[in-house]
Amino acid sequence: MPPSTYEVLFTRFAEIDLGEIVDFYIPKNPSFASQFIDVVESRISELESFPERGRVVPELEKRSIVDYRELIEGNYRIIYKVENLNIYILAIVDGRRNFDEVVLSKLMRII
């Protein structure tokens, strides 16, 4: 039986991504920036009990890479990997951007 609780850990890259997103929205809509942080934290906390909740990242799956999953929140993709009892949040990216350019370059820094 799988453990009931996993530990969620943010990589430095995911922390930078979240900070950049919030910094972008604060001058335009501070309320949205605050809500965005709350929603992302809430979605990520779901992974503590349900680490397989997110789908395999489709662009990676096409390359036979199935170790990375994602949660979709609005226009954003929260990319993560489950390893033992840890969930590593690897990146938070705008889903409207070119995945290959943005995410693959980020993941290559981590791998």
Protein backbone atom coordinates (compact mmCIF):
# COMPACT_ATOMS: atom_id res chain seq x y z
CA MET A 1 0.00 0.00 0.00
CA PRO A 2 1.44 3.42 -0.94
CA PRO A 3 2.25 5.90 1.82
CA SER A 4 -0.53 8.31 2.72
CA THR A 5 1.66 11.39 2.68
CA TYR A 6 4.48 12.47 0.42
CA GLU A 7 6.73 15.44 1.03
CA VAL A 8 6.47 18.21 -1.55
CA LEU A 9 9.71 20.03 -2.29
CA PHE A 10 10.15 23.06 -4.53
CA THR A 11 13.26 23.18 -6.66
CA ARG A 12 15.05 26.49 -6.93
CA PHE A 13 13.82 26.73 -10.53
CA ALA A 14 10.17 26.33 -9.51
CA GLU A 15 10.60 28.97 -6.80
CA ILE A 16 12.04 31.35 -9.40
CA ASP A 17 9.16 30.59 -11.79
CA LEU A 18 6.54 31.29 -9.13
CA GLY A 19 8.29 34.49 -8.10
CA GLU A 20 8.44 35.72 -11.71
CA ILE A 21 4.75 35.00 -12.26
CA VAL A 22 3.75 36.82 -9.07
CA ASP A 23 6.09 39.74 -9.86
CA PHE A 24 4.43 40.04 -13.27
CA TYR A 25 0.91 40.23 -11.81
CA ILE A 26 1.49 42.35 -8.68
CA PRO A 27 1.57 45.73 -10.47
CA LYS A 28 -1.34 44.77 -12.74
CA ASN A 29 -3.59 42.96 -10.28
CA PRO A 30 -2.29 42.42 -6.71
CA SER A 31 -5.43 40.52 -5.75
CA PHE A 32 -4.93 38.02 -8.57
CA ALA A 33 -1.24 37.60 -7.63
CA SER A 34 -2.21 36.73 -4.05
CA GLN A 35 -4.99 34.38 -5.18
CA PHE A 36 -2.65 32.72 -7.65
CA ILE A 37 -0.18 31.83 -4.90
CA ASP A 38 -2.99 30.40 -2.75
CA VAL A 39 -4.42 28.33 -5.60
CA VAL A 40 -1.03 26.97 -6.66
CA GLU A 41 -0.17 26.05 -3.06
CA SER A 42 -3.55 24.36 -2.67
CA ARG A 43 -3.17 22.37 -5.88
CA ILE A 44 0.35 21.31 -4.98
CA SER A 45 -0.71 20.26 -1.47
CA GLU A 46 -3.15 17.79 -3.09
CA LEU A 47 -0.11 15.88 -4.30
CA GLU A 48 0.87 14.98 -0.73
CA SER A 49 -1.92 12.40 -0.71
CA PHE A 50 -2.44 11.90 -4.44
CA PRO A 51 0.94 12.12 -6.19
CA GLU A 52 -0.35 10.51 -9.38
CA ARG A 53 -3.14 13.07 -9.71
CA GLY A 54 -1.47 14.96 -12.53
CA ARG A 55 -1.16 13.61 -16.02
CA VAL A 56 2.10 12.57 -17.65
CA VAL A 57 3.46 15.58 -19.54
CA PRO A 58 2.23 14.85 -23.11
CA GLU A 59 5.20 16.43 -24.91
CA LEU A 60 7.59 14.27 -22.91
CA GLU A 61 5.46 11.17 -23.21
CA LYS A 62 5.81 11.45 -27.00
CA ARG A 63 9.56 11.08 -26.39
CA SER A 64 8.95 8.03 -24.14
CA ILE A 65 9.73 10.05 -21.00
CA VAL A 66 7.04 9.26 -18.47
CA ASP A 67 8.70 10.30 -15.20
CA TYR A 68 7.29 13.84 -15.25
CA ARG A 69 3.72 14.81 -14.48
CA GLU A 70 1.82 18.06 -14.51
CA LEU A 71 -1.10 19.81 -12.90
CA ILE A 72 -2.92 22.40 -14.95
CA GLU A 73 -4.03 25.54 -13.15
CA GLY A 74 -5.58 28.14 -15.42
CA ASN A 75 -2.96 29.00 -18.04
CA TYR A 76 -0.15 27.47 -15.99
CA ARG A 77 1.43 24.04 -15.95
CA ILE A 78 2.96 22.81 -12.70
CA ILE A 79 5.60 20.25 -13.69
CA TYR A 80 6.68 17.73 -11.06
CA LYS A 81 8.35 14.40 -10.49
CA VAL A 82 7.59 11.75 -7.87
CA GLU A 83 10.68 10.10 -6.45
CA ASN A 84 10.38 7.71 -3.52
CA LEU A 85 8.39 9.63 -0.88
CA ASN A 86 9.19 13.05 -2.36
CA ILE A 87 7.43 15.16 -4.93
CA TYR A 88 9.74 17.63 -6.62
CA ILE A 89 8.07 20.69 -8.12
CA LEU A 90 10.34 21.38 -11.08
CA ALA A 91 8.76 24.25 -12.97
CA ILE A 92 5.66 26.42 -13.19
CA VAL A 93 5.23 27.68 -16.72
CA ASP A 94 2.70 29.54 -18.79
CA GLY A 95 1.00 26.90 -20.93
CA ARG A 96 0.60 29.41 -23.75
CA ARG A 97 4.35 29.47 -24.29
CA ASN A 98 6.26 27.04 -26.48
CA PHE A 99 6.80 23.98 -24.29
CA ASP A 100 9.93 22.80 -26.06
CA GLU A 101 11.67 26.14 -25.63
CA VAL A 102 10.62 26.78 -22.06
CA VAL A 103 10.23 23.51 -20.21
CA LEU A 104 12.70 21.27 -21.94
CA SER A 105 15.48 23.78 -21.36
CA LYS A 106 14.48 24.03 -17.68
CA LEU A 107 14.34 20.27 -17.23
CA MET A 108 17.69 19.81 -18.92
CA ARG A 109 19.23 22.01 -16.19
CA ILE A 110 17.74 19.73 -13.53
CA ILE A 111 18.37 16.31 -15.06
